[in-house]
Amino acid sequence: MYIIVIAWLYVIVLMAATEKTVVAGLLTLIFYGLAPVALFVWIFGTPGRRRARRRLPQRSTDQVVGEVVGEEDGRHAKGDQ
């Protein structure tokens, strides 16, 4: 996927360099290069983000409550002694 992004940005940088004005070059770079590449990476990166989210360990509610209270390994707050 990244080879496509690199190749596209290379072509767009060359196109922007041949524009007559700096403003036209920047607009070409943004609207033909950066915006489409950002959309492409976001769309094609979605399955990877979804897989990464599923790989995270699922913590039970009891474990989370125990961590908040401080009783995960028998510890208590200073005032609870």
PDB file of N, CA and C in Angstrom:
ATOM      1  N   MET A   1       0.823  -1.182   0.000  1.00  0.00           N
ATOM      2  CA  MET A   1       0.000   0.000   0.000  1.00  0.00           C
ATOM      3  C   MET A   1       0.873   1.254   0.000  1.00  0.00           C
ATOM      4  N   TYR A   2       1.956   1.225   0.780  1.00  0.00           N
ATOM      5  CA  TYR A   2       2.774   2.425   0.897  1.00  0.00           C
ATOM      6  C   TYR A   2       3.542   2.739  -0.382  1.00  0.00           C
ATOM      7  N   ILE A   3       3.830   1.733  -1.192  1.00  0.00           N
ATOM      8  CA  ILE A   3       4.513   1.994  -2.464  1.00  0.00           C
ATOM      9  C   ILE A   3       3.617   2.816  -3.389  1.00  0.00           C
ATOM     10  N   ILE A   4       2.318   2.588  -3.314  1.00  0.00           N
ATOM     11  CA  ILE A   4       1.371   3.368  -4.113  1.00  0.00           C
ATOM     12  C   ILE A   4       1.379   4.820  -3.650  1.00  0.00           C
ATOM     13  N   VAL A   5       1.384   5.027  -2.354  1.00  0.00           N
ATOM     14  CA  VAL A   5       1.393   6.377  -1.792  1.00  0.00           C
ATOM     15  C   VAL A   5       2.669   7.114  -2.186  1.00  0.00           C
ATOM     16  N   ILE A   6       3.808   6.432  -2.057  1.00  0.00           N
ATOM     17  CA  ILE A   6       5.087   7.060  -2.398  1.00  0.00           C
ATOM     18  C   ILE A   6       5.135   7.424  -3.877  1.00  0.00           C
ATOM     19  N   ALA A   7       4.700   6.517  -4.730  1.00  0.00           N
ATOM     20  CA  ALA A   7       4.721   6.778  -6.173  1.00  0.00           C
ATOM     21  C   ALA A   7       3.784   7.930  -6.530  1.00  0.00           C
ATOM     22  N   TRP A   8       2.595   7.947  -5.946  1.00  0.00           N
ATOM     23  CA  TRP A   8       1.639   9.008  -6.240  1.00  0.00           C
ATOM     24  C   TRP A   8       2.184  10.369  -5.795  1.00  0.00           C
ATOM     25  N   LEU A   9       2.750  10.424  -4.597  1.00  0.00           N
ATOM     26  CA  LEU A   9       3.305  11.688  -4.118  1.00  0.00           C
ATOM     27  C   LEU A   9       4.486  12.141  -4.965  1.00  0.00           C
ATOM     28  N   TYR A  10       5.284  11.207  -5.466  1.00  0.00           N
ATOM     29  CA  TYR A  10       6.396  11.560  -6.354  1.00  0.00           C
ATOM     30  C   TYR A  10       5.869  12.236  -7.618  1.00  0.00           C
ATOM     31  N   VAL A  11       4.861  11.656  -8.211  1.00  0.00           N
ATOM     32  CA  VAL A  11       4.284  12.232  -9.433  1.00  0.00           C
ATOM     33  C   VAL A  11       3.680  13.603  -9.141  1.00  0.00           C
ATOM     34  N   ILE A  12       2.997  13.742  -8.033  1.00  0.00           N
ATOM     35  CA  ILE A  12       2.344  15.002  -7.703  1.00  0.00           C
ATOM     36  C   ILE A  12       3.370  16.085  -7.385  1.00  0.00           C
ATOM     37  N   VAL A  13       4.458  15.734  -6.724  1.00  0.00           N
ATOM     38  CA  VAL A  13       5.507  16.729  -6.463  1.00  0.00           C
ATOM     39  C   VAL A  13       6.103  17.215  -7.780  1.00  0.00           C
ATOM     40  N   LEU A  14       6.306  16.326  -8.732  1.00  0.00           N
ATOM     41  CA  LEU A  14       6.809  16.742 -10.042  1.00  0.00           C
ATOM     42  C   LEU A  14       5.791  17.621 -10.770  1.00  0.00           C
ATOM     43  N   MET A  15       4.515  17.288 -10.652  1.00  0.00           N
ATOM     44  CA  MET A  15       3.477  18.133 -11.262  1.00  0.00           C
ATOM     45  C   MET A  15       3.460  19.507 -10.619  1.00  0.00           C
ATOM     46  N   ALA A  16       3.572  19.559  -9.301  1.00  0.00           N
ATOM     47  CA  ALA A  16       3.537  20.836  -8.588  1.00  0.00           C
ATOM     48  C   ALA A  16       4.755  21.680  -8.945  1.00  0.00           C
ATOM     49  N   ALA A  17       5.880  21.042  -9.172  1.00  0.00           N
ATOM     50  CA  ALA A  17       7.099  21.775  -9.517  1.00  0.00           C
ATOM     51  C   ALA A  17       7.008  22.428 -10.897  1.00  0.00           C
ATOM     52  N   THR A  18       6.172  21.899 -11.756  1.00  0.00           N
ATOM     53  CA  THR A  18       6.063  22.461 -13.108  1.00  0.00           C
ATOM     54  C   THR A  18       4.990  23.538 -13.225  1.00  0.00           C
ATOM     55  N   GLU A  19       4.277  23.815 -12.167  1.00  0.00           N
ATOM     56  CA  GLU A  19       3.249  24.858 -12.207  1.00  0.00           C
ATOM     57  C   GLU A  19       3.901  26.230 -12.385  1.00  0.00           C
ATOM     58  N   LYS A  20       3.150  27.163 -12.946  1.00  0.00           N
ATOM     59  CA  LYS A  20       3.691  28.482 -13.258  1.00  0.00           C
ATOM     60  C   LYS A  20       3.892  29.362 -12.018  1.00  0.00           C
ATOM     61  N   THR A  21       3.047  29.215 -11.006  1.00  0.00           N
ATOM     62  CA  THR A  21       3.187  30.025  -9.799  1.00  0.00           C
ATOM     63  C   THR A  21       3.314  29.114  -8.573  1.00  0.00           C
ATOM     64  N   VAL A  22       3.812  29.698  -7.501  1.00  0.00           N
ATOM     65  CA  VAL A  22       3.964  28.948  -6.254  1.00  0.00           C
ATOM     66  C   VAL A  22       2.593  28.569  -5.689  1.00  0.00           C
ATOM     67  N   VAL A  23       1.646  29.471  -5.794  1.00  0.00           N
ATOM     68  CA  VAL A  23       0.292  29.190  -5.286  1.00  0.00           C
ATOM     69  C   VAL A  23      -0.327  28.019  -6.044  1.00  0.00           C
ATOM     70  N   ALA A  24      -0.189  28.006  -7.349  1.00  0.00           N
ATOM     71  CA  ALA A  24      -0.719  26.898  -8.144  1.00  0.00           C
ATOM     72  C   ALA A  24      -0.009  25.595  -7.781  1.00  0.00           C
ATOM     73  N   GLY A  25       1.270  25.662  -7.517  1.00  0.00           N
ATOM     74  CA  GLY A  25       2.005  24.468  -7.116  1.00  0.00           C
ATOM     75  C   GLY A  25       1.544  23.931  -5.772  1.00  0.00           C
ATOM     76  N   LEU A  26       1.322  24.832  -4.813  1.00  0.00           N
ATOM     77  CA  LEU A  26       0.838  24.401  -3.508  1.00  0.00           C
ATOM     78  C   LEU A  26      -0.567  23.819  -3.585  1.00  0.00           C
ATOM     79  N   LEU A  27      -1.427  24.450  -4.367  1.00  0.00           N
ATOM     80  CA  LEU A  27      -2.786  23.924  -4.526  1.00  0.00           C
ATOM     81  C   LEU A  27      -2.774  22.562  -5.212  1.00  0.00           C
ATOM     82  N   THR A  28      -1.908  22.405  -6.198  1.00  0.00           N
ATOM     83  CA  THR A  28      -1.774  21.106  -6.856  1.00  0.00           C
ATOM     84  C   THR A  28      -1.305  20.061  -5.861  1.00  0.00           C
ATOM     85  N   LEU A  29      -0.317  20.417  -5.056  1.00  0.00           N
ATOM     86  CA  LEU A  29       0.206  19.484  -4.062  1.00  0.00           C
ATOM     87  C   LEU A  29      -0.864  19.087  -3.046  1.00  0.00           C
ATOM     88  N   ILE A  30      -1.647  20.040  -2.610  1.00  0.00           N
ATOM     89  CA  ILE A  30      -2.665  19.751  -1.590  1.00  0.00           C
ATOM     90  C   ILE A  30      -3.839  18.974  -2.168  1.00  0.00           C
ATOM     91  N   PHE A  31      -4.410  19.478  -3.280  1.00  0.00           N
ATOM     92  CA  PHE A  31      -5.659  18.886  -3.781  1.00  0.00           C
ATOM     93  C   PHE A  31      -5.460  17.659  -4.666  1.00  0.00           C
ATOM     94  N   TYR A  32      -4.295  17.518  -5.306  1.00  0.00           N
ATOM     95  CA  TYR A  32      -4.035  16.309  -6.086  1.00  0.00           C
ATOM     96  C   TYR A  32      -3.173  15.317  -5.326  1.00  0.00           C
ATOM     97  N   GLY A  33      -2.509  15.789  -4.274  1.00  0.00           N
ATOM     98  CA  GLY A  33      -1.574  14.926  -3.577  1.00  0.00           C
ATOM     99  C   GLY A  33      -1.988  14.570  -2.175  1.00  0.00           C
ATOM    100  N   LEU A  34      -1.948  15.541  -1.283  1.00  0.00           N
ATOM    101  CA  LEU A  34      -2.135  15.243   0.134  1.00  0.00           C
ATOM    102  C   LEU A  34      -3.552  14.802   0.484  1.00  0.00           C
ATOM    103  N   ALA A  35      -4.544  15.466  -0.041  1.00  0.00           N
ATOM    104  CA  ALA A  35      -5.931  15.102   0.283  1.00  0.00           C
ATOM    105  C   ALA A  35      -6.284  13.687  -0.216  1.00  0.00           C
ATOM    106  N   PRO A  36      -6.014  13.348  -1.477  1.00  0.00           N
ATOM    107  CA  PRO A  36      -6.330  11.982  -1.919  1.00  0.00           C
ATOM    108  C   PRO A  36      -5.512  10.906  -1.202  1.00  0.00           C
ATOM    109  N   VAL A  37      -4.243  11.213  -0.899  1.00  0.00           N
ATOM    110  CA  VAL A  37      -3.414  10.230  -0.203  1.00  0.00           C
ATOM    111  C   VAL A  37      -3.927  10.010   1.210  1.00  0.00           C
ATOM    112  N   ALA A  38      -4.321  11.074   1.897  1.00  0.00           N
ATOM    113  CA  ALA A  38      -4.865  10.920   3.244  1.00  0.00           C
ATOM    114  C   ALA A  38      -6.136  10.068   3.221  1.00  0.00           C
ATOM    115  N   LEU A  39      -7.005  10.310   2.266  1.00  0.00           N
ATOM    116  CA  LEU A  39      -8.223   9.515   2.131  1.00  0.00           C
ATOM    117  C   LEU A  39      -7.895   8.056   1.815  1.00  0.00           C
ATOM    118  N   PHE A  40      -6.964   7.831   0.921  1.00  0.00           N
ATOM    119  CA  PHE A  40      -6.554   6.479   0.538  1.00  0.00           C
ATOM    120  C   PHE A  40      -6.003   5.710   1.737  1.00  0.00           C
ATOM    121  N   VAL A  41      -5.096   6.331   2.478  1.00  0.00           N
ATOM    122  CA  VAL A  41      -4.486   5.662   3.634  1.00  0.00           C
ATOM    123  C   VAL A  41      -5.534   5.399   4.708  1.00  0.00           C
ATOM    124  N   TRP A  42      -6.447   6.336   4.912  1.00  0.00           N
ATOM    125  CA  TRP A  42      -7.493   6.144   5.913  1.00  0.00           C
ATOM    126  C   TRP A  42      -8.413   4.981   5.533  1.00  0.00           C
ATOM    127  N   ILE A  43      -8.847   4.934   4.279  1.00  0.00           N
ATOM    128  CA  ILE A  43      -9.769   3.878   3.840  1.00  0.00           C
ATOM    129  C   ILE A  43      -9.090   2.519   3.857  1.00  0.00           C
ATOM    130  N   PHE A  44      -7.889   2.426   3.290  1.00  0.00           N
ATOM    131  CA  PHE A  44      -7.228   1.134   3.209  1.00  0.00           C
ATOM    132  C   PHE A  44      -6.560   0.729   4.517  1.00  0.00           C
ATOM    133  N   GLY A  45      -6.463   1.612   5.480  1.00  0.00           N
ATOM    134  CA  GLY A  45      -5.916   1.268   6.780  1.00  0.00           C
ATOM    135  C   GLY A  45      -6.961   0.805   7.776  1.00  0.00           C
ATOM    136  N   THR A  46      -8.231   0.917   7.418  1.00  0.00           N
ATOM    137  CA  THR A  46      -9.315   0.550   8.326  1.00  0.00           C
ATOM    138  C   THR A  46      -9.268  -0.918   8.746  1.00  0.00           C
ATOM    139  N   PRO A  47      -9.060  -1.864   7.845  1.00  0.00           N
ATOM    140  CA  PRO A  47      -9.003  -3.259   8.299  1.00  0.00           C
ATOM    141  C   PRO A  47      -7.868  -3.515   9.291  1.00  0.00           C
ATOM    142  N   GLY A  48      -6.738  -2.878   9.106  1.00  0.00           N
ATOM    143  CA  GLY A  48      -5.628  -3.044  10.032  1.00  0.00           C
ATOM    144  C   GLY A  48      -5.928  -2.471  11.399  1.00  0.00           C
ATOM    145  N   ARG A  49      -6.574  -1.306  11.432  1.00  0.00           N
ATOM    146  CA  ARG A  49      -6.964  -0.719  12.718  1.00  0.00           C
ATOM    147  C   ARG A  49      -7.990  -1.599  13.417  1.00  0.00           C
ATOM    148  N   ARG A  50      -8.894  -2.178  12.653  1.00  0.00           N
ATOM    149  CA  ARG A  50      -9.920  -3.050  13.231  1.00  0.00           C
ATOM    150  C   ARG A  50      -9.277  -4.313  13.819  1.00  0.00           C
ATOM    151  N   ARG A  51      -8.312  -4.894  13.104  1.00  0.00           N
ATOM    152  CA  ARG A  51      -7.616  -6.074  13.623  1.00  0.00           C
ATOM    153  C   ARG A  51      -6.838  -5.739  14.890  1.00  0.00           C
ATOM    154  N   ALA A  52      -6.185  -4.587  14.907  1.00  0.00           N
ATOM    155  CA  ALA A  52      -5.411  -4.185  16.087  1.00  0.00           C
ATOM    156  C   ALA A  52      -6.325  -3.986  17.289  1.00  0.00           C
ATOM    157  N   ARG A  53      -7.502  -3.425  17.073  1.00  0.00           N
ATOM    158  CA  ARG A  53      -8.444  -3.218  18.167  1.00  0.00           C
ATOM    159  C   ARG A  53      -8.942  -4.550  18.716  1.00  0.00           C
ATOM    160  N   ARG A  54      -9.142  -5.544  17.837  1.00  0.00           N
ATOM    161  CA  ARG A  54      -9.615  -6.850  18.295  1.00  0.00           C
ATOM    162  C   ARG A  54      -8.534  -7.608  19.049  1.00  0.00           C
ATOM    163  N   ARG A  55      -7.254  -7.336  18.762  1.00  0.00           N
ATOM    164  CA  ARG A  55      -6.154  -8.028  19.425  1.00  0.00           C
ATOM    165  C   ARG A  55      -5.937  -7.552  20.854  1.00  0.00           C
ATOM    166  N   LEU A  56      -6.452  -6.379  21.196  1.00  0.00           N
ATOM    167  CA  LEU A  56      -6.293  -5.891  22.557  1.00  0.00           C
ATOM    168  C   LEU A  56      -7.015  -6.823  23.521  1.00  0.00           C
ATOM    169  N   PRO A  57      -6.409  -7.074  24.671  1.00  0.00           N
ATOM    170  CA  PRO A  57      -7.078  -7.981  25.618  1.00  0.00           C
ATOM    171  C   PRO A  57      -8.363  -7.358  26.151  1.00  0.00           C
ATOM    172  N   GLN A  58      -9.374  -8.159  26.209  1.00  0.00           N
ATOM    173  CA  GLN A  58     -10.659  -7.699  26.721  1.00  0.00           C
ATOM    174  C   GLN A  58     -10.631  -7.823  28.237  1.00  0.00           C
ATOM    175  N   ARG A  59     -10.771  -6.707  28.924  1.00  0.00           N
ATOM    176  CA  ARG A  59     -10.738  -6.714  30.376  1.00  0.00           C
ATOM    177  C   ARG A  59     -12.155  -6.801  30.905  1.00  0.00           C
ATOM    178  N   SER A  60     -12.332  -7.622  31.935  1.00  0.00           N
ATOM    179  CA  SER A  60     -13.668  -7.778  32.504  1.00  0.00           C
ATOM    180  C   SER A  60     -14.004  -6.570  33.367  1.00  0.00           C
ATOM    181  N   THR A  61     -15.274  -6.385  33.637  1.00  0.00           N
ATOM    182  CA  THR A  61     -15.738  -5.266  34.450  1.00  0.00           C
ATOM    183  C   THR A  61     -15.216  -5.387  35.877  1.00  0.00           C
ATOM    184  N   ASP A  62     -15.156  -6.609  36.413  1.00  0.00           N
ATOM    185  CA  ASP A  62     -14.663  -6.808  37.783  1.00  0.00           C
ATOM    186  C   ASP A  62     -13.208  -6.385  37.904  1.00  0.00           C
ATOM    187  N   GLN A  63     -12.407  -6.690  36.908  1.00  0.00           N
ATOM    188  CA  GLN A  63     -11.001  -6.322  36.942  1.00  0.00           C
ATOM    189  C   GLN A  63     -10.836  -4.808  36.917  1.00  0.00           C
ATOM    190  N   VAL A  64     -11.617  -4.131  36.089  1.00  0.00           N
ATOM    191  CA  VAL A  64     -11.544  -2.680  35.996  1.00  0.00           C
ATOM    192  C   VAL A  64     -11.987  -2.042  37.303  1.00  0.00           C
ATOM    193  N   VAL A  65     -13.065  -2.538  37.914  1.00  0.00           N
ATOM    194  CA  VAL A  65     -13.553  -1.994  39.182  1.00  0.00           C
ATOM    195  C   VAL A  65     -12.515  -2.215  40.265  1.00  0.00           C
ATOM    196  N   GLY A  66     -11.874  -3.379  40.292  1.00  0.00           N
ATOM    197  CA  GLY A  66     -10.848  -3.658  41.277  1.00  0.00           C
ATOM    198  C   GLY A  66      -9.659  -2.724  41.146  1.00  0.00           C
ATOM    199  N   GLU A  67      -9.285  -2.371  39.927  1.00  0.00           N
ATOM    200  CA  GLU A  67      -8.177  -1.444  39.715  1.00  0.00           C
ATOM    201  C   GLU A  67      -8.533  -0.049  40.202  1.00  0.00           C
ATOM    202  N   VAL A  68      -9.764   0.365  39.992  1.00  0.00           N
ATOM    203  CA  VAL A  68     -10.185   1.701  40.413  1.00  0.00           C
ATOM    204  C   VAL A  68     -10.193   1.795  41.928  1.00  0.00           C
ATOM    205  N   VAL A  69     -10.693   0.758  42.606  1.00  0.00           N
ATOM    206  CA  VAL A  69     -10.783   0.762  44.056  1.00  0.00           C
ATOM    207  C   VAL A  69      -9.405   0.552  44.682  1.00  0.00           C
ATOM    208  N   GLY A  70      -8.493  -0.130  43.984  1.00  0.00           N
ATOM    209  CA  GLY A  70      -7.167  -0.388  44.507  1.00  0.00           C
ATOM    210  C   GLY A  70      -7.058  -1.723  45.194  1.00  0.00           C
ATOM    211  N   GLU A  71      -7.944  -2.652  44.888  1.00  0.00           N
ATOM    212  CA  GLU A  71      -7.968  -3.955  45.543  1.00  0.00           C
ATOM    213  C   GLU A  71      -7.489  -5.066  44.624  1.00  0.00           C
ATOM    214  N   GLU A  72      -6.779  -4.718  43.593  1.00  0.00           N
ATOM    215  CA  GLU A  72      -6.381  -5.726  42.616  1.00  0.00           C
ATOM    216  C   GLU A  72      -5.471  -6.780  43.248  1.00  0.00           C
ATOM    217  N   ASP A  73      -4.515  -6.367  44.082  1.00  0.00           N
ATOM    218  CA  ASP A  73      -3.609  -7.329  44.696  1.00  0.00           C
ATOM    219  C   ASP A  73      -3.612  -7.187  46.225  1.00  0.00           C
ATOM    220  N   GLY A  74      -4.742  -6.801  46.790  1.00  0.00           N
ATOM    221  CA  GLY A  74      -4.863  -6.697  48.219  1.00  0.00           C
ATOM    222  C   GLY A  74      -4.481  -5.344  48.786  1.00  0.00           C
ATOM    223  N   ARG A  75      -4.114  -4.389  47.969  1.00  0.00           N
ATOM    224  CA  ARG A  75      -3.743  -3.063  48.464  1.00  0.00           C
ATOM    225  C   ARG A  75      -4.997  -2.267  48.757  1.00  0.00           C
ATOM    226  N   HIS A  76      -4.908  -1.384  49.726  1.00  0.00           N
ATOM    227  CA  HIS A  76      -6.015  -0.494  50.048  1.00  0.00           C
ATOM    228  C   HIS A  76      -5.479   0.927  50.092  1.00  0.00           C
ATOM    229  N   ALA A  77      -6.376   1.860  50.027  1.00  0.00           N
ATOM    230  CA  ALA A  77      -5.966   3.262  50.134  1.00  0.00           C
ATOM    231  C   ALA A  77      -5.471   3.533  51.556  1.00  0.00           C
ATOM    232  N   LYS A  78      -4.723   4.593  51.771  1.00  0.00           N
ATOM    233  CA  LYS A  78      -4.114   4.898  53.080  1.00  0.00           C
ATOM    234  C   LYS A  78      -5.161   5.012  54.178  1.00  0.00           C
ATOM    235  N   GLY A  79      -6.295   5.554  53.901  1.00  0.00           N
ATOM    236  CA  GLY A  79      -7.314   5.765  54.929  1.00  0.00           C
ATOM    237  C   GLY A  79      -8.073   4.503  55.287  1.00  0.00           C
ATOM    238  N   ASP A  80      -7.927   3.405  54.531  1.00  0.00           N
ATOM    239  CA  ASP A  80      -8.690   2.184  54.762  1.00  0.00           C
ATOM    240  C   ASP A  80      -7.967   1.184  55.640  1.00  0.00           C
ATOM    241  N   GLN A  81      -6.888   1.543  56.317  1.00  0.00           N
ATOM    242  CA  GLN A  81      -6.121   0.568  57.079  1.00  0.00           C
ATOM    243  C   GLN A  81      -6.794   0.269  58.321  1.00  0.00           C
TER     244      GLN A  81
END
